[in-house]
Amino acid sequence: MTRLSLPPDSAFQSVLVSPEPDGGHAVLAFIRSTDVVTEGGKFGLALDASRSIRRLYGIGPNPQIRLRNRMGEMARVTAAYLASLSCQGRCHSLYFALGPTGAGCEIVGSLTEDEASVEPFAGPEELPWGNGTRLMPALSLLLEPGPDGSAPPLGGADCCAAVIVTDGDIDDHAQVAPYSEALADMIARGQRGPVSLILIGLFDPGRGGLPQIEKLNSLFRPDRLDPRGQPVRVWTAHAAPQPEDVPALVSTALAAPIPVSGRVVEEPTGRVVRTYAREVPPALSFMLSAEAEGFRLEIEANEPIRQAVV
C-alpha cells in the first residue's frame, strides 16, 4: 500500500491506498484522534516468528520460493501507524519466539514512519524460526532495563504500548501472568506509567478461541485503580482471522471511536461506499471505484472531510 503525503493539519493520522486490478483503490484511513490510550507515549511491535507462522511471511514448503509476505504487509502498516503516534516518532520492532525453545528475540529496529513503510519484515535473519512461542523475553526486552542497566526501548515515557501478533498458544503463560500482575500493581501504586499490551491472535474466532485470549483478558481486575482512579488494564487480547485485519484492530484498541453516525462517499461520483450507523471507528477500510478521485468523510453535525487518492 502507498502512504499518502498529508499536511500537518490533516484530519487523518495516515491514509494508505492500494491499486486494485479493476482500476479501483483499496483505502485504509486512520482518523487523527486526541483521545488515544497512550497519547505521548512510546510504542512497540513484536511479531511471532515461530515455525508455524512462516507461511504468512511468504515461506512455503520450498524455502527458495518466496510467496506473498502477508505478515510483512501488515507489519509495515502497523509499525508506521504506531510510529506516527509515538512521542519520539518511532516504533520499536522485533521478532520473538525464535530458536529451539521459542525464547529467542531478534531486533528489527527503532523505525520511523517512513522507515517502517519500506521495511521488508521478511522474518528473522540471525536466529532460526522457533519451536514454541515464549512471550516473556519480548516483554522483558521492551519493558525492562537491560543486563547492563540500559534503559528499555519503551522506558522513559509517561506511558507505553506494545502490539504482539502471534498465531499460537503462549507457552510461558505461567511466567507472563505473575509478571503482568506485578506490572499492574506498580501502575496502580503510581510507580510507573500506564502500559498497554495488545495481543492479537491470528485465528478465526468462529473455529473456537485460543486459550491465551481468555487467559490474558482474565488478568484484568476492575477494582485495581491507578492514582487517577482509572481501572488498570495491562492486557487486551483480540482475534484476527487474517493479518490484514490487524491494523484496524490496533487502531480500535488505541484510539476511541467518534460516537456519532457517519459515512464515506466517493468523489466526484457521490456513491456511498461505507456507512456507520452508531459511531465512526478510528480506522476506515473501504473500496473506491476506478472513477473515484478521492473520498469525503461525512460525520454527523460536522463539515465533510475530503481526501484525494489520485
Protein backbone atom coordinates (compact mmCIF):
# COMPACT_ATOMS: atom_id res chain seq x y z
CA MET A 1 0.00 0.00 0.00
CA THR A 2 1.13 3.56 -0.73
CA ARG A 3 1.07 6.01 2.15
CA LEU A 4 -0.24 9.41 1.04
CA SER A 5 1.56 12.59 1.99
CA LEU A 6 -0.71 14.54 4.33
CA PRO A 7 -0.50 18.11 5.62
CA PRO A 8 0.16 18.56 9.36
CA ASP A 9 -3.39 19.77 9.94
CA SER A 10 -5.00 16.77 8.21
CA ALA A 11 -7.92 15.12 9.97
CA PHE A 12 -6.25 11.77 9.21
CA GLN A 13 -3.26 10.28 11.01
CA SER A 14 -2.39 8.38 7.84
CA VAL A 15 -4.06 7.22 4.64
CA LEU A 16 -2.90 4.17 2.71
CA VAL A 17 -4.01 3.35 -0.82
CA SER A 18 -3.53 0.15 -2.80
CA PRO A 19 -4.48 -0.12 -6.52
CA GLU A 20 -6.86 -2.93 -7.45
CA PRO A 21 -6.80 -4.97 -10.70
CA ASP A 22 -10.05 -3.31 -11.85
CA GLY A 23 -8.51 0.16 -11.60
CA GLY A 24 -10.10 0.97 -8.28
CA HIS A 25 -8.40 1.54 -4.94
CA ALA A 26 -8.44 -0.16 -1.55
CA VAL A 27 -8.17 2.50 1.15
CA LEU A 28 -7.22 2.28 4.82
CA ALA A 29 -7.55 5.65 6.58
CA PHE A 30 -6.71 6.29 10.25
CA ILE A 31 -8.54 9.24 11.81
CA ARG A 32 -6.38 11.56 13.88
CA SER A 33 -7.59 11.45 17.46
CA THR A 34 -6.64 13.35 20.59
CA ASP A 35 -8.27 10.59 22.65
CA VAL A 36 -5.52 7.99 22.31
CA VAL A 37 -4.94 5.48 25.11
CA THR A 38 -1.22 6.17 25.18
CA GLU A 39 -1.03 9.69 23.76
CA GLY A 40 2.53 10.97 24.01
CA GLY A 41 3.89 7.50 24.77
CA LYS A 42 6.30 5.05 23.19
CA PHE A 43 5.21 2.14 21.02
CA GLY A 44 6.49 -1.33 20.13
CA LEU A 45 5.58 -4.14 17.74
CA ALA A 46 6.51 -7.77 18.44
CA LEU A 47 5.96 -10.29 15.64
CA ASP A 48 5.76 -14.05 16.17
CA ALA A 49 8.48 -15.83 14.18
CA SER A 50 7.82 -19.43 15.19
CA ARG A 51 7.93 -22.13 12.52
CA SER A 52 4.14 -22.42 12.35
CA ILE A 53 3.75 -18.86 11.08
CA ARG A 54 6.33 -18.97 8.26
CA ARG A 55 3.66 -19.39 5.60
CA LEU A 56 2.28 -15.95 6.45
CA TYR A 57 5.74 -14.50 5.84
CA GLY A 58 5.62 -15.99 2.35
CA ILE A 59 7.76 -19.06 3.03
CA GLY A 60 6.24 -22.22 1.57
CA PRO A 61 7.43 -25.85 1.53
CA ASN A 62 10.32 -24.82 -0.73
CA PRO A 63 12.15 -22.03 1.14
CA GLN A 64 13.80 -20.92 -2.11
CA ILE A 65 10.42 -19.86 -3.50
CA ARG A 66 9.01 -16.73 -1.86
CA LEU A 67 5.27 -16.24 -1.79
CA ARG A 68 3.24 -13.21 -0.73
CA ASN A 69 4.51 -11.88 2.61
CA ARG A 70 1.24 -11.03 4.34
CA MET A 71 2.93 -10.54 7.72
CA GLY A 72 5.27 -8.03 6.14
CA GLU A 73 2.42 -6.11 4.54
CA MET A 74 0.58 -5.97 7.86
CA ALA A 75 3.68 -5.05 9.85
CA ARG A 76 4.59 -2.14 7.57
CA VAL A 77 1.17 -0.57 8.03
CA THR A 78 1.01 -1.28 11.77
CA ALA A 79 4.54 -0.15 12.60
CA ALA A 80 4.14 3.05 10.56
CA TYR A 81 0.88 3.84 12.35
CA LEU A 82 2.44 3.23 15.77
CA ALA A 83 5.43 5.43 14.85
CA SER A 84 3.04 8.21 13.84
CA LEU A 85 1.52 8.16 17.34
CA SER A 86 4.80 7.97 19.25
CA CYS A 87 6.25 10.88 21.19
CA GLN A 88 9.60 10.07 19.60
CA GLY A 89 8.22 9.30 16.13
CA ARG A 90 9.46 5.70 16.19
CA CYS A 91 8.14 2.16 16.64
CA HIS A 92 10.45 -0.37 18.35
CA SER A 93 10.05 -3.56 16.31
CA LEU A 94 11.27 -7.10 16.93
CA TYR A 95 10.67 -10.79 16.20
CA PHE A 96 10.07 -13.18 19.09
CA ALA A 97 9.55 -16.95 19.53
CA LEU A 98 12.88 -17.83 17.88
CA GLY A 99 15.22 -20.74 18.39
CA PRO A 100 14.84 -24.29 19.75
CA THR A 101 12.59 -23.31 22.67
CA GLY A 102 10.92 -20.23 21.20
CA ALA A 103 12.68 -17.98 23.72
CA GLY A 104 14.84 -16.01 21.30
CA CYS A 105 14.30 -12.46 20.04
CA GLU A 106 15.75 -10.52 17.13
CA ILE A 107 15.61 -6.73 16.89
CA VAL A 108 14.28 -5.27 13.65
CA GLY A 109 14.93 -1.69 14.67
CA SER A 110 13.56 1.54 16.07
CA LEU A 111 11.74 2.64 12.93
CA THR A 112 10.35 5.99 11.88
CA GLU A 113 7.08 6.11 9.98
CA ASP A 114 8.93 6.34 6.66
CA GLU A 115 11.36 3.54 7.58
CA ALA A 116 8.55 1.26 8.74
CA SER A 117 6.69 1.80 5.46
CA VAL A 118 9.53 0.21 3.46
CA GLU A 119 10.91 -2.33 5.98
CA PRO A 120 10.62 -5.85 4.43
CA PHE A 121 9.60 -7.59 7.66
CA ALA A 122 10.56 -10.82 5.92
CA GLY A 123 11.34 -12.78 9.08
CA PRO A 124 14.45 -13.33 11.23
CA GLU A 125 17.90 -13.21 9.66
CA GLU A 126 20.22 -14.17 12.53
CA LEU A 127 18.25 -16.70 14.58
CA PRO A 128 16.22 -19.70 13.31
CA TRP A 129 12.44 -19.82 13.27
CA GLY A 130 11.32 -21.03 16.68
CA ASN A 131 9.84 -24.18 18.10
CA GLY A 132 7.36 -22.84 20.64
CA THR A 133 6.12 -19.36 21.48
CA ARG A 134 7.52 -17.69 24.59
CA LEU A 135 6.46 -14.14 25.29
CA MET A 136 8.42 -13.14 28.39
CA PRO A 137 11.72 -12.49 26.54
CA ALA A 138 9.98 -9.97 24.26
CA LEU A 139 8.22 -8.27 27.18
CA SER A 140 11.48 -8.03 29.12
CA LEU A 141 13.32 -6.66 26.09
CA LEU A 142 10.72 -3.95 25.50
CA LEU A 143 9.80 -3.01 29.07
CA GLU A 144 12.68 -3.82 31.42
CA PRO A 145 16.23 -2.42 31.77
CA GLY A 146 18.96 -4.40 30.02
CA PRO A 147 21.52 -6.56 31.87
CA ASP A 148 23.90 -3.58 31.76
CA GLY A 149 21.30 -1.26 33.24
CA SER A 150 20.46 0.36 29.90
CA ALA A 151 17.01 1.85 29.55
CA PRO A 152 14.37 -0.32 27.85
CA PRO A 153 13.07 0.81 24.43
CA LEU A 154 9.66 1.64 25.87
CA GLY A 155 11.00 3.17 29.07
CA GLY A 156 11.38 6.82 29.98
CA ALA A 157 7.92 7.87 28.77
CA ASP A 158 4.77 8.69 30.69
CA CYS A 159 3.10 5.64 29.11
CA CYS A 160 3.73 2.98 26.50
CA ALA A 161 2.04 0.33 24.40
CA ALA A 162 3.19 -2.81 22.62
CA VAL A 163 1.34 -4.80 19.98
CA ILE A 164 2.08 -8.55 19.94
CA VAL A 165 0.98 -10.58 16.91
CA THR A 166 1.03 -14.39 17.17
CA ASP A 167 -0.63 -17.46 15.66
CA GLY A 168 -0.49 -19.87 18.57
CA ASP A 169 -0.60 -20.55 22.29
CA ILE A 170 1.74 -18.72 24.63
CA ASP A 171 3.91 -21.46 26.13
CA ASP A 172 5.14 -19.40 29.09
CA HIS A 173 1.82 -18.05 30.35
CA ALA A 174 2.82 -19.31 33.82
CA GLN A 175 5.53 -16.62 33.79
CA VAL A 176 3.58 -13.96 31.88
CA ALA A 177 0.66 -13.93 34.35
CA PRO A 178 2.60 -13.06 37.56
CA TYR A 179 4.77 -10.58 35.66
CA SER A 180 1.62 -8.87 34.38
CA GLU A 181 0.10 -8.80 37.86
CA ALA A 182 3.25 -7.21 39.28
CA LEU A 183 3.27 -4.69 36.43
CA ALA A 184 -0.37 -3.78 37.09
CA ASP A 185 0.33 -3.35 40.83
CA MET A 186 3.22 -0.98 40.06
CA ILE A 187 0.96 1.09 37.80
CA ALA A 188 -1.75 1.15 40.48
CA ARG A 189 0.78 2.41 43.04
CA GLY A 190 1.99 5.12 40.65
CA GLN A 191 5.46 3.57 40.40
CA ARG A 192 5.32 3.54 36.59
CA GLY A 193 3.10 4.96 33.89
CA PRO A 194 0.31 3.09 32.10
CA VAL A 195 1.34 0.10 29.99
CA SER A 196 -0.98 -1.24 27.28
CA LEU A 197 -0.15 -4.69 25.91
CA ILE A 198 -2.30 -5.65 22.92
CA LEU A 199 -2.13 -9.29 21.86
CA ILE A 200 -3.67 -10.21 18.52
CA GLY A 201 -4.13 -13.91 17.77
CA LEU A 202 -4.24 -14.77 14.09
CA PHE A 203 -7.09 -17.24 14.00
CA ASP A 204 -10.75 -17.41 13.06
CA PRO A 205 -12.83 -16.91 16.25
CA GLY A 206 -15.63 -18.91 14.65
CA ARG A 207 -13.47 -22.01 15.00
CA GLY A 208 -13.07 -21.64 18.73
CA GLY A 209 -10.98 -19.30 20.83
CA LEU A 210 -7.31 -19.75 21.51
CA PRO A 211 -6.61 -20.15 25.24
CA GLN A 212 -4.36 -17.11 25.55
CA ILE A 213 -7.16 -14.74 24.53
CA GLU A 214 -9.26 -15.67 27.56
CA LYS A 215 -6.24 -16.11 29.83
CA LEU A 216 -4.81 -12.67 29.16
CA ASN A 217 -8.15 -10.87 29.26
CA SER A 218 -8.95 -12.58 32.58
CA LEU A 219 -5.97 -10.84 34.21
CA PHE A 220 -7.99 -7.60 34.28
CA ARG A 221 -9.40 -6.64 37.70
CA PRO A 222 -11.84 -3.71 37.58
CA ASP A 223 -11.20 -2.93 41.25
CA ARG A 224 -7.47 -2.24 40.69
CA LEU A 225 -7.25 1.52 40.12
CA ASP A 226 -4.39 3.84 39.21
CA PRO A 227 -3.71 7.12 41.08
CA ARG A 228 -6.24 8.88 38.80
CA GLY A 229 -8.93 6.44 39.85
CA GLN A 230 -8.97 4.67 36.48
CA PRO A 231 -9.01 0.84 36.23
CA VAL A 232 -5.59 -0.60 35.38
CA ARG A 233 -5.76 -2.80 32.29
CA VAL A 234 -2.39 -4.08 31.11
CA TRP A 235 -3.64 -6.66 28.58
CA THR A 236 -6.26 -6.62 25.88
CA ALA A 237 -6.39 -9.66 23.60
CA HIS A 238 -8.23 -9.97 20.30
CA ALA A 239 -8.68 -12.44 17.45
CA ALA A 240 -7.93 -11.52 13.84
CA PRO A 241 -8.94 -14.04 11.14
CA GLN A 242 -6.34 -12.59 8.73
CA PRO A 243 -3.17 -10.47 9.07
CA GLU A 244 -4.92 -7.79 7.02
CA ASP A 245 -7.35 -7.28 9.95
CA VAL A 246 -4.59 -6.32 12.41
CA PRO A 247 -4.08 -2.58 11.67
CA ALA A 248 -7.76 -1.75 12.18
CA LEU A 249 -7.84 -3.78 15.41
CA VAL A 250 -4.77 -1.93 16.69
CA SER A 251 -6.25 1.49 15.99
CA THR A 252 -9.51 0.46 17.66
CA ALA A 253 -7.59 -0.67 20.76
CA LEU A 254 -5.60 2.57 20.96
CA ALA A 255 -7.97 5.32 19.81
CA ALA A 256 -11.58 5.96 20.75
CA PRO A 257 -14.30 5.92 18.08
CA ILE A 258 -16.34 9.02 17.29
CA PRO A 259 -19.74 8.38 18.96
CA VAL A 260 -21.93 9.65 16.10
CA SER A 261 -23.08 8.29 12.75
CA GLY A 262 -21.20 8.91 9.52
CA ARG A 263 -20.43 7.66 6.04
CA VAL A 264 -17.71 7.57 3.39
CA VAL A 265 -18.66 8.93 -0.04
CA GLU A 266 -16.77 8.69 -3.33
CA GLU A 267 -15.84 11.89 -5.07
CA PRO A 268 -16.95 13.00 -7.59
CA THR A 269 -19.41 10.13 -8.18
CA GLY A 270 -21.33 10.57 -4.90
CA ARG A 271 -21.52 6.81 -4.32
CA VAL A 272 -21.72 5.85 -0.64
CA VAL A 273 -19.07 3.20 0.00
CA ARG A 274 -19.35 2.80 3.77
CA THR A 275 -21.99 3.70 6.35
CA TYR A 276 -21.54 3.85 10.13
CA ALA A 277 -24.89 3.82 11.94
CA ARG A 278 -23.80 4.49 15.54
CA GLU A 279 -20.15 5.52 15.65
CA VAL A 280 -17.27 6.18 13.28
CA PRO A 281 -14.29 3.91 14.06
CA PRO A 282 -10.73 5.24 14.22
CA ALA A 283 -9.73 3.13 11.18
CA LEU A 284 -11.76 3.24 7.97
CA SER A 285 -11.39 0.46 5.40
CA PHE A 286 -13.24 0.66 2.09
CA MET A 287 -13.00 0.27 -1.71
CA LEU A 288 -13.19 3.08 -4.27
CA SER A 289 -14.11 2.57 -7.91
CA ALA A 290 -11.84 3.36 -10.87
CA GLU A 291 -13.76 6.60 -11.42
CA ALA A 292 -13.10 7.94 -7.93
CA GLU A 293 -10.62 10.78 -7.48
CA GLY A 294 -10.92 10.71 -3.72
CA PHE A 295 -13.45 10.45 -0.90
CA ARG A 296 -15.16 12.52 1.72
CA LEU A 297 -15.95 11.51 5.26
CA GLU A 298 -19.30 12.89 6.39
CA ILE A 299 -19.71 12.88 10.18
CA GLU A 300 -22.94 13.98 11.83
CA ALA A 301 -23.06 17.74 12.53
CA ASN A 302 -19.55 18.28 11.08
CA GLU A 303 -18.20 19.68 7.84
CA PRO A 304 -17.23 16.91 5.39
CA ILE A 305 -13.57 15.90 5.40
CA ARG A 306 -12.19 15.47 1.87
CA GLN A 307 -9.17 13.45 0.79
CA ALA A 308 -7.81 12.85 -2.71
CA VAL A 309 -6.32 9.46 -3.61
CA VAL A 310 -5.09 10.21 -7.17
